[in-house]
Structure formats: C-alpha cells, structure tokens
C-alpha cells in the first residue's frame, strides 16, 4: 500500500512539474469597434432609447469604463491611434482624416503576428477611410480581410456584411491552438440611415434623451432613434460572436473589448472634441482574469490600447508607442479610480473633411479632467465645420443638420451657432454639470486659475510629445494629401482662388 501511495505521489508531482513547464496559453483578442457611437449610448450606462444586451453582458461579466476617450474624434485618425499606440499629432499624414497611413508607424496586429504567432484579421470596417497602400503597407493595418459572407440587412442604412459569419470563417482558418486577434469593425451606426426606421421598429420618440446642444424636436428625436437602431444591429452581431466563442470553448481565454471610434454623426459631435465627440463607451471582459461587475473611472486613451495588447503577451511596448498599458487596471480587483495618475486625457484634431479655402484644417487640442474640458482652437478665424459655401462638410448630412440650417435661415441661431459658427480661441466647460458643453466659462473670472492651469498642463504634455502644432510647424498638417472626395477637394481649391 505504501508503495502504491508513493507511486501516486510521484505521478502527481511529475504532472505538476510538466504543467509548470508548459507555457501559459496566450489570450485571444476580440476587438469590437462601432462606427460613430457616442458615450453614453448603451443601456449599461443608463441610456433609455438604446438596448444593448450584449454590450451590457460584457460590462456585467467584466469592467464598464466611464472615461474612455479617442485621441482624435474622426474615423481614420482615431483608428490609427488604436493601431499604433501613438497620439494623433505624432502620426504625420495619418493624423488627417482620409489621408495616407505611413507604414513606418508599426501596428499591434503585425507585432502580435510576428512576435507571438497570432492569426490576425478583420471583418467590416478596418483602418479607413484613407490610402494605406500609398503609405507602404502590404495589407490593411488592421490585418487580413474576412468579408466573404454577406446578408440582406433589415434596413437600407445597415450594411450587408455578415460580421458574425465572417468571424466564424476566421475561426476556422486558424491552426489548432493558435491564438488570434480579430477586429470586428461594424459599419453601424455610421450614416446614412433609413429615415423613420427606428420608429417603424417600435421605438418611441418620447424615450429619447436629446443632448443640450441639439433642439428638442421630433426630427431630431426620430434621427436619434434611427441611429439607436443601428447601434442595436452592431450589438446583435457582438452577441453572435460571443456565442461562437462559447461554442468553440474559447470565451474564457478571450479578452473581449467593445468600443467605438468616435462620437455619433450629428452636428457638434463627430469630429469635435467635445464630450460626446471624443468620450466613448468601453466594456472589457476576460473570463476569470477580470473581476466581474466592476465600474472603473480611470482615464483610458486610445493610445493605450496597443501597448496593452503587447503587455498581454508579455512583450514591452514598441519604442514608437507613447500610450501606456492599462493591463494593471484590468487585473486589479478595484472599482472606481484604480491608478491615481490616470486622472486626465489629452485629445485633438487637425484636418477632418476638406472644403475650406485651400483645404486647410481646424486644429484643436484639449485636456479633459474629472471636472473640466479645456479646448485650444488654434485657428479661430476658420469655420470649425468647414465653410458655409461647402455646406459645412465636416458635418455628415442628416435631417438634424438640415433642421439647424433651416433654423439659421429663420434667424433662430442658438443650435446653429453651437454647431457651425466660428469659435473663440479658448473654451472651458464644467463637464460634470454641463455634459453638453454649451456654456463656455473660459472668460469667467471665477475659472481664470483653472483655465491657466489646464492650458499650461496641456502645453507641457504636447511639447513633451513634440507636437508640431505647438512647436510652430503645425501647418504641415494642412498640406498632406487628401484621399477623399475629389469634389470636396476641388471646392476648397476654388474657394481659395476666389479669396485671393
């Protein structure tokens, strides 16, 4: 009996040693990014007119983040920051919307593939819009495409890509045991929408929470319901992907990240580093690795994602990366503010859409803390949403945009001015009590010291990062090649000729 017991002990010890010698299984990554979805438009945040059961599940079984921000609130520059782990003003042409993405700025998908053998791919919208080939990339910076399967969408505004089925196709393409990093890039809730689709789907105008910077009108409410319906389509495919991971036995070893690239396609939001333009939803789930049910208030920048992915595989950040990993926040068991130093974020923009004379941009830099948002508009003489002659091309066409223009023609200027009129050089908002950012207190003596401190902190941060805009050569951003609409570009060139 003693001999038999000794043998069992020996076998158990040997198995333990073998297990200890086996390398830890690398986590899979499912990164889900909506197109133009603002914070707080998920039901986990208390939004009443958007139902997102699958986003809510990720938040409930993981972490709900209250302070996630893109560096640049427009599609392609926002995504470039995610991919490179860098701030937008460090990315040269990739700082501009619809530009070129230089391949000298390395991306995390390539690093995961090269350093750890990950299979990387995407479905839907990857890094876009713009020209990655001209930048020297051999494939889209988000990875290899998996877009073979399509479907018949429920509305004309929703895309035909079958995201979930393409994710299944991706899973079958990997080798046994191979870790993966997949980019689910929903085209929703990007415009255009099918007019009235939200109401026809059973949504109620009375449920809508209209932001303070938009008129409380049924046109706006209906537009917001059409937007909400498309968020729910994105969320539906998220749920199908979670189901696929469960069926494959991979859910617990997959870190699931759900966010958006920038705020909703409405006036004064998308392209604008105000609260709803750069403040984004974020929920992250990672099986037993993350204590579930946490709500975290740490400030997370899109520049922080790529170094976090490298930290997941035990790799240091690439030397080019200027964001910092928040893996410590994920692995903590705390709610609230986990890292006291994560108490602010810096954002900004350069040229988004063209149409100003000479196709120049509208440069902004901002700093956001718990209580305040400070903005420095470097060219206040320019039209922020592009010139009236170009139909304010920096704002996506919509019923809401048309309403504001009609109000302006009637002399009703409140909401038009907020979205389209020229702005002062400095803006300061008390985001805790004014989340719509409609009352600028930059010239209020009561906030003079706050403004001074935030402006100094912002400038130091940007100088430390060698931001060309604060170092005196920011006009370079205006001269990078624009790869979008030729008609918009021609309009800006014509306006320049007319004003010379």
Foldseek 3Di string as FASTA:
>chain_A
DVVVVVVVVVVVVVVVVVVVPDDDQFFAEEEEAEAAAFPPLEVCNVQQLFYQVQLNVLCQQFEWEQAEWFQFLAQQLSLLLLFQLAHLLVQQQSQEAQEEGAPVRAGLVVVCCVPPNAQFEEEDDHRDDYDDVVNPDPDGSRHHYQFPDFDDDPFPWADGGLQLVSVVVSVVPDDVSHHYYYYYYGHPPDDDFDQQPLVVVPTDLVSHDDAPLFDSDSQVSSQVSRRSVRVNVSSVSSVSNCVVCVVVVRNQRYKYKYKYSFHHQAFCARRHPAQGGTGMTIGIHHHPQARGDAYEHFHHYSSQNSQQSCVSVPHGRDPVNDHHHPVVVRNDNDHYYPDVVRFKDKHWHWAYFAQAALRGTFTKIWMDGPFKIKIFTPCLVAWHQHDVVLVSVNRDDGSRSVVQVVCVVVVNHRSVCSRTNGDDRMFMDGCVVRSSRRDGCCVPPVCVVVNVVRVVVRLVVCVVVVRCVSVPNNRSNSPGDRNDDPVSSVNNNVNNVVVD
